[in-house]
Amino acid sequence: MPILIAFLALGVGASRALAQEYPRVSVICLDCHDQKEASLGRTPHELVGGAKDGPDAGIVCTDCHVGDRRHWEDDPDEYPMKSPAKLSAREEGALCATCHQTSHQQNMAERNVHMTSDVSCSACHSVHESKEPVLLKAAEKDLCVSCHRGVEGAFTKPYRHPVNEGIVTCSECHATLSETRRELSLNGTNMCMKCHAEFQGPFPYEHQATVDYSAEEGGCISCHEPHGSYLPRMLKQPYEGPHFQLCTQCHTVPPRHNLNQNHGTAWAGMACNECHSDIHGSYSNPLFLSESLVSQGCFTVSCHHR
């Protein structure tokens, strides 16, 4: 028993320090927990051949299950190893961050709503036996809606992001710190433009509702329902007459604005975007008016100004 001999040679105080020294081991763990090695197979945490103990090992059991050698040399019940899943969210996050130093880890530690709600890494990730990408416990969409039940129904609406079809994933919009400064990024323009770049601009005349730094910081979700809607283009409210709710939630429309008798019957009660067509931003008109209106005589003397 070389370790016992070392304890006796060093004396009581030194032997106690040696017993509590932080070890990097796996081989001795597998003597009792032999089934766990197979559960790590073909995962990033696999205990690959070569060194399985000490500083040269890529990853060892005690990197995650922290404790000291008295667990296997003395009494495992009296000196239990820590299970990451039983730590608080912040404690487990700090433990995982000793290896995983990414923007995701930084986001979780600094401002993410999961961490502040004590939702830990192991609530979503499974170190052992996961067959999903990034060691998720389940497919991403199923995992997210297991907590966020209110969102699930939106993906069955007629106009929706194709999450159920696997074309779009939750994490593409609810991004990490590398792409946003806000919790789970209901971040309007910045995120939406990854796919909808044609609306990005920059435009000389911006529609304030579309920009992420507007007073309410609504961005695209000022008008669009991000998960799914019963209205075309995933709109939150209808923009047709007689009330034009989508536009009038921000704009006070003067009486008879588009019901003016001078328009005749052709333009009476038309949807706002029939004239204000460049609603995401315009290169030519501060009112986002369509250039096609020129040929229709809208800007003749005593009518509208461009």
Protein backbone atom coordinates (compact mmCIF):
# COMPACT_ATOMS: atom_id res chain seq x y z
CA MET A 1 0.00 0.00 0.00
CA PRO A 2 2.32 2.80 -1.20
CA ILE A 3 -0.10 5.58 -0.27
CA LEU A 4 -0.47 4.26 3.30
CA ILE A 5 3.32 4.07 3.63
CA ALA A 6 3.55 7.64 2.40
CA PHE A 7 1.00 8.74 5.00
CA LEU A 8 3.05 7.12 7.81
CA ALA A 9 6.31 8.57 6.53
CA LEU A 10 4.98 12.10 6.19
CA GLY A 11 3.19 12.26 9.51
CA VAL A 12 -0.42 12.92 10.43
CA GLY A 13 -0.69 16.52 9.21
CA ALA A 14 0.98 15.90 5.89
CA SER A 15 -0.92 12.68 5.32
CA ARG A 16 -4.24 14.48 5.85
CA ALA A 17 -3.23 17.07 3.25
CA LEU A 18 -2.21 14.30 0.84
CA ALA A 19 -5.52 12.49 1.38
CA GLN A 20 -7.45 15.60 0.44
CA GLU A 21 -5.27 16.43 -2.56
CA TYR A 22 -7.40 16.91 -5.66
CA PRO A 23 -6.84 13.83 -7.83
CA ARG A 24 -7.36 13.31 -11.59
CA VAL A 25 -8.38 9.69 -11.88
CA SER A 26 -10.73 7.44 -13.80
CA VAL A 27 -9.30 3.93 -13.58
CA ILE A 28 -10.02 3.47 -9.89
CA CYS A 29 -13.54 4.92 -10.38
CA LEU A 30 -14.31 2.30 -13.02
CA ASP A 31 -13.44 -0.49 -10.60
CA CYS A 32 -16.82 0.16 -9.00
CA HIS A 33 -18.63 2.13 -11.70
CA ASP A 34 -17.59 0.04 -14.69
CA GLN A 35 -20.87 0.61 -16.55
CA LYS A 36 -20.23 4.33 -16.74
CA GLU A 37 -17.36 4.04 -19.21
CA ALA A 38 -19.64 2.62 -21.87
CA SER A 39 -22.16 5.43 -21.29
CA LEU A 40 -19.48 7.95 -22.24
CA GLY A 41 -18.61 6.15 -25.45
CA ARG A 42 -18.80 8.21 -28.64
CA THR A 43 -19.39 11.42 -26.74
CA PRO A 44 -17.00 14.36 -26.25
CA HIS A 45 -16.43 13.02 -22.71
CA GLU A 46 -15.29 9.60 -23.84
CA LEU A 47 -12.45 8.14 -21.78
CA VAL A 48 -10.20 7.43 -24.73
CA GLY A 49 -7.22 5.08 -24.70
CA GLY A 50 -3.82 6.00 -23.34
CA ALA A 51 -3.62 7.95 -20.12
CA LYS A 52 -6.86 7.81 -18.13
CA ASP A 53 -5.36 9.28 -14.97
CA GLY A 54 -3.17 12.23 -14.11
CA PRO A 55 -2.28 15.44 -15.94
CA ASP A 56 -1.86 13.77 -19.35
CA ALA A 57 -5.43 12.43 -19.47
CA GLY A 58 -7.79 14.31 -21.74
CA ILE A 59 -10.75 14.04 -19.36
CA VAL A 60 -11.21 12.00 -16.20
CA CYS A 61 -14.11 11.15 -13.93
CA THR A 62 -12.96 13.47 -11.17
CA ASP A 63 -12.96 16.48 -13.47
CA CYS A 64 -16.75 16.46 -13.09
CA HIS A 65 -17.25 14.40 -9.93
CA VAL A 66 -15.20 16.45 -7.53
CA GLY A 67 -14.00 15.02 -4.22
CA ASP A 68 -10.86 13.52 -2.72
CA ARG A 69 -9.16 10.15 -2.60
CA ARG A 70 -10.70 9.20 0.75
CA HIS A 71 -13.82 8.29 -1.23
CA TRP A 72 -12.12 5.16 -2.58
CA GLU A 73 -9.36 4.72 -0.01
CA ASP A 74 -11.42 5.06 3.15
CA ASP A 75 -15.23 5.20 3.18
CA PRO A 76 -17.23 6.14 0.05
CA ASP A 77 -20.34 6.88 2.10
CA GLU A 78 -18.54 9.20 4.50
CA TYR A 79 -16.64 10.96 1.72
CA PRO A 80 -19.01 11.06 -1.27
CA MET A 81 -17.97 12.54 -4.57
CA LYS A 82 -20.05 15.49 -5.73
CA SER A 83 -22.61 14.87 -8.43
CA PRO A 84 -22.78 17.87 -10.79
CA ALA A 85 -26.55 17.46 -11.14
CA LYS A 86 -26.97 18.06 -7.40
CA LEU A 87 -25.11 21.37 -7.44
CA SER A 88 -26.83 24.73 -7.78
CA ALA A 89 -27.04 26.14 -11.28
CA ARG A 90 -24.21 28.58 -10.64
CA GLU A 91 -22.00 25.96 -9.02
CA GLU A 92 -22.52 23.53 -11.85
CA GLY A 93 -22.01 26.28 -14.42
CA ALA A 94 -18.67 27.15 -12.83
CA LEU A 95 -17.68 23.48 -12.84
CA CYS A 96 -18.53 23.04 -16.54
CA ALA A 97 -16.74 26.29 -17.37
CA THR A 98 -13.42 24.87 -16.20
CA CYS A 99 -13.39 23.13 -19.61
CA HIS A 100 -16.14 24.80 -21.64
CA GLN A 101 -15.09 28.44 -21.97
CA THR A 102 -17.44 29.62 -24.70
CA SER A 103 -19.83 32.48 -25.30
CA HIS A 104 -22.62 30.15 -24.18
CA GLN A 105 -20.92 29.62 -20.82
CA GLN A 106 -20.31 33.35 -20.46
CA ASN A 107 -23.92 34.12 -21.26
CA MET A 108 -25.15 31.58 -18.71
CA ALA A 109 -22.89 32.98 -16.02
CA GLU A 110 -23.61 36.66 -16.60
CA ARG A 111 -27.18 37.28 -17.68
CA ASN A 112 -29.07 34.24 -18.93
CA VAL A 113 -32.60 33.76 -17.60
CA HIS A 114 -31.96 30.03 -17.15
CA MET A 115 -29.17 30.61 -14.67
CA THR A 116 -31.11 33.22 -12.72
CA SER A 117 -34.00 30.74 -12.47
CA ASP A 118 -31.63 28.04 -11.16
CA VAL A 119 -31.90 25.96 -14.33
CA SER A 120 -28.56 24.20 -14.45
CA CYS A 121 -26.45 22.81 -17.29
CA SER A 122 -27.60 19.26 -16.52
CA ALA A 123 -31.24 20.30 -16.87
CA CYS A 124 -30.62 20.42 -20.63
CA HIS A 125 -27.41 18.43 -21.15
CA SER A 126 -26.66 14.82 -20.29
CA VAL A 127 -23.00 13.96 -19.87
CA HIS A 128 -23.70 10.24 -20.00
CA GLU A 129 -25.44 8.47 -22.87
CA SER A 130 -26.70 11.43 -24.90
CA LYS A 131 -27.10 10.78 -28.62
CA GLU A 132 -28.20 14.33 -29.43
CA PRO A 133 -25.93 17.18 -30.63
CA VAL A 134 -24.06 19.01 -27.87
CA LEU A 135 -25.16 16.30 -25.43
CA LEU A 136 -28.75 17.51 -25.18
CA LYS A 137 -31.13 15.32 -23.21
CA ALA A 138 -33.60 15.31 -26.09
CA ALA A 139 -34.05 16.83 -29.52
CA GLU A 140 -33.74 20.60 -29.18
CA LYS A 141 -37.34 21.53 -29.95
CA ASP A 142 -38.75 18.82 -27.67
CA LEU A 143 -36.38 19.84 -24.90
CA CYS A 144 -37.33 23.52 -25.09
CA VAL A 145 -41.09 23.00 -25.17
CA SER A 146 -40.90 20.61 -22.22
CA CYS A 147 -40.61 23.80 -20.15
CA HIS A 148 -41.95 26.43 -22.53
CA ARG A 149 -45.36 24.86 -23.09
CA GLY A 150 -47.01 28.10 -24.12
CA VAL A 151 -44.87 28.28 -27.24
CA GLU A 152 -45.56 24.79 -28.55
CA GLY A 153 -49.01 25.56 -29.91
CA ALA A 154 -47.71 28.48 -31.98
CA PHE A 155 -45.80 26.08 -34.21
CA THR A 156 -49.07 24.51 -35.35
CA LYS A 157 -50.52 27.78 -36.66
CA PRO A 158 -50.84 28.27 -40.42
CA TYR A 159 -48.11 30.92 -40.61
CA ARG A 160 -45.11 29.94 -38.53
CA HIS A 161 -41.42 29.33 -38.40
CA PRO A 162 -40.86 25.70 -39.49
CA VAL A 163 -39.60 24.46 -36.15
CA ASN A 164 -41.67 21.26 -36.16
CA GLU A 165 -40.18 20.41 -39.53
CA GLY A 166 -36.65 20.77 -38.19
CA ILE A 167 -35.76 23.59 -40.60
CA VAL A 168 -35.39 26.20 -37.84
CA THR A 169 -34.19 25.52 -34.30
CA CYS A 170 -34.95 27.45 -31.13
CA SER A 171 -31.31 28.35 -30.53
CA GLU A 172 -31.00 30.03 -33.93
CA CYS A 173 -33.14 32.88 -32.60
CA HIS A 174 -32.59 32.57 -28.87
CA ALA A 175 -28.90 33.10 -29.21
CA THR A 176 -25.86 33.20 -26.97
CA LEU A 177 -23.76 36.16 -25.89
CA SER A 178 -21.76 36.07 -29.12
CA GLU A 179 -24.82 37.38 -30.96
CA THR A 180 -26.84 39.42 -28.48
CA ARG A 181 -26.64 41.39 -25.29
CA ARG A 182 -30.10 40.47 -24.07
CA GLU A 183 -31.50 37.51 -22.21
CA LEU A 184 -32.60 34.86 -24.69
CA SER A 185 -32.61 37.57 -27.34
CA LEU A 186 -36.07 38.63 -28.30
CA ASN A 187 -33.78 40.79 -30.33
CA GLY A 188 -35.70 41.82 -33.37
CA THR A 189 -33.64 43.04 -36.25
CA ASN A 190 -30.25 41.63 -35.38
CA MET A 191 -31.41 38.05 -35.19
CA CYS A 192 -34.08 38.11 -37.89
CA MET A 193 -31.67 39.50 -40.48
CA LYS A 194 -29.66 36.29 -40.38
CA CYS A 195 -32.39 34.87 -42.62
CA HIS A 196 -34.26 37.96 -43.81
CA ALA A 197 -31.30 40.01 -45.02
CA GLU A 198 -33.32 41.76 -47.72
CA PHE A 199 -34.90 43.92 -45.01
CA GLN A 200 -31.68 44.86 -43.28
CA GLY A 201 -30.70 48.07 -45.04
CA PRO A 202 -29.17 50.39 -44.03
CA PHE A 203 -31.85 52.72 -45.31
CA PRO A 204 -31.68 56.53 -45.47
CA TYR A 205 -35.24 56.50 -44.12
CA GLU A 206 -35.73 53.91 -41.40
CA HIS A 207 -39.00 52.69 -40.03
CA GLN A 208 -38.36 53.08 -36.33
CA ALA A 209 -40.49 50.06 -35.45
CA THR A 210 -38.04 47.77 -37.25
CA VAL A 211 -34.82 48.86 -35.59
CA ASP A 212 -33.58 47.07 -32.52
CA TYR A 213 -32.62 50.26 -30.70
CA SER A 214 -36.06 51.84 -30.81
CA ALA A 215 -37.54 53.14 -27.58
CA GLU A 216 -39.38 49.90 -26.88
CA GLU A 217 -36.60 47.77 -28.40
CA GLY A 218 -39.22 45.78 -30.21
CA GLY A 219 -37.62 45.48 -33.61
CA CYS A 220 -39.30 43.03 -35.95
CA ILE A 221 -41.49 41.63 -33.19
CA SER A 222 -43.31 44.94 -32.96
CA CYS A 223 -45.32 43.70 -35.92
CA HIS A 224 -44.53 40.02 -36.31
CA GLU A 225 -45.30 37.10 -34.00
CA PRO A 226 -41.97 35.24 -33.90
CA HIS A 227 -43.29 31.73 -33.29
CA GLY A 228 -46.48 31.56 -35.33
CA SER A 229 -49.64 33.42 -36.24
CA TYR A 230 -53.04 32.98 -37.85
CA LEU A 231 -52.27 36.00 -40.05
CA PRO A 232 -50.11 36.06 -43.19
CA ARG A 233 -46.43 36.94 -42.73
CA MET A 234 -46.82 36.03 -39.07
CA LEU A 235 -48.32 39.43 -38.29
CA LYS A 236 -49.57 40.18 -34.80
CA GLN A 237 -52.64 42.10 -35.96
CA PRO A 238 -54.44 42.72 -39.25
CA TYR A 239 -53.44 45.78 -41.25
CA GLU A 240 -56.48 45.96 -43.51
CA GLY A 241 -59.48 48.22 -42.93
CA PRO A 242 -61.59 49.28 -41.34
CA HIS A 243 -59.37 49.62 -38.27
CA PHE A 244 -55.85 48.89 -39.54
CA GLN A 245 -54.84 47.66 -36.08
CA LEU A 246 -51.26 46.76 -36.94
CA CYS A 247 -50.44 50.31 -37.99
CA THR A 248 -52.66 52.21 -35.58
CA GLN A 249 -50.99 50.59 -32.56
CA CYS A 250 -48.24 53.14 -33.17
CA HIS A 251 -49.66 55.66 -35.64
CA THR A 252 -52.62 57.94 -35.06
CA VAL A 253 -54.23 57.96 -38.50
CA PRO A 254 -56.18 61.17 -39.22
CA PRO A 255 -59.85 60.78 -40.07
CA ARG A 256 -60.46 60.07 -43.73
CA HIS A 257 -56.73 59.56 -44.30
CA ASN A 258 -57.36 56.79 -46.79
CA LEU A 259 -61.11 57.21 -47.06
CA ASN A 260 -60.77 60.62 -48.68
CA GLN A 261 -63.41 61.32 -51.32
CA ASN A 262 -60.72 62.61 -53.64
CA HIS A 263 -59.36 59.09 -53.89
CA GLY A 264 -62.61 57.91 -55.38
CA THR A 265 -63.57 54.31 -54.96
CA ALA A 266 -60.32 52.87 -56.28
CA TRP A 267 -58.28 53.71 -53.16
CA ALA A 268 -60.97 53.93 -50.54
CA GLY A 269 -60.23 51.76 -47.54
CA MET A 270 -57.07 50.24 -49.01
CA ALA A 271 -54.56 48.65 -46.66
CA CYS A 272 -51.85 51.01 -45.44
CA ASN A 273 -49.05 49.20 -47.27
CA GLU A 274 -50.72 49.76 -50.65
CA CYS A 275 -49.20 53.24 -50.48
CA HIS A 276 -46.61 52.92 -47.71
CA SER A 277 -45.05 49.90 -49.35
CA ASP A 278 -41.46 50.15 -48.15
CA ILE A 279 -42.42 49.60 -44.54
CA HIS A 280 -39.08 48.12 -43.49
CA GLY A 281 -37.23 51.19 -44.74
CA SER A 282 -36.95 53.34 -47.83
CA TYR A 283 -34.13 54.59 -50.02
CA SER A 284 -36.18 57.49 -51.37
CA ASN A 285 -39.13 58.56 -49.21
CA PRO A 286 -39.44 59.39 -45.50
CA LEU A 287 -43.06 58.18 -45.56
CA PHE A 288 -42.05 54.88 -47.20
CA LEU A 289 -44.32 55.65 -50.14
CA SER A 290 -44.16 53.53 -53.24
CA GLU A 291 -42.55 54.99 -56.35
CA SER A 292 -45.43 53.54 -58.33
CA LEU A 293 -47.64 56.30 -56.92
CA VAL A 294 -45.84 58.84 -59.12
CA SER A 295 -47.38 57.44 -62.26
CA GLN A 296 -50.79 57.42 -60.62
CA GLY A 297 -50.76 61.19 -60.10
CA CYS A 298 -50.66 61.15 -56.31
CA PHE A 299 -47.96 63.85 -56.21
CA THR A 300 -49.56 66.38 -58.49
CA VAL A 301 -50.04 69.95 -57.30
CA SER A 302 -52.53 70.27 -54.41
CA CYS A 303 -52.28 66.54 -53.61
CA HIS A 304 -49.47 64.75 -51.78
CA HIS A 305 -45.88 65.89 -51.36
CA ARG A 306 -43.05 63.47 -51.93
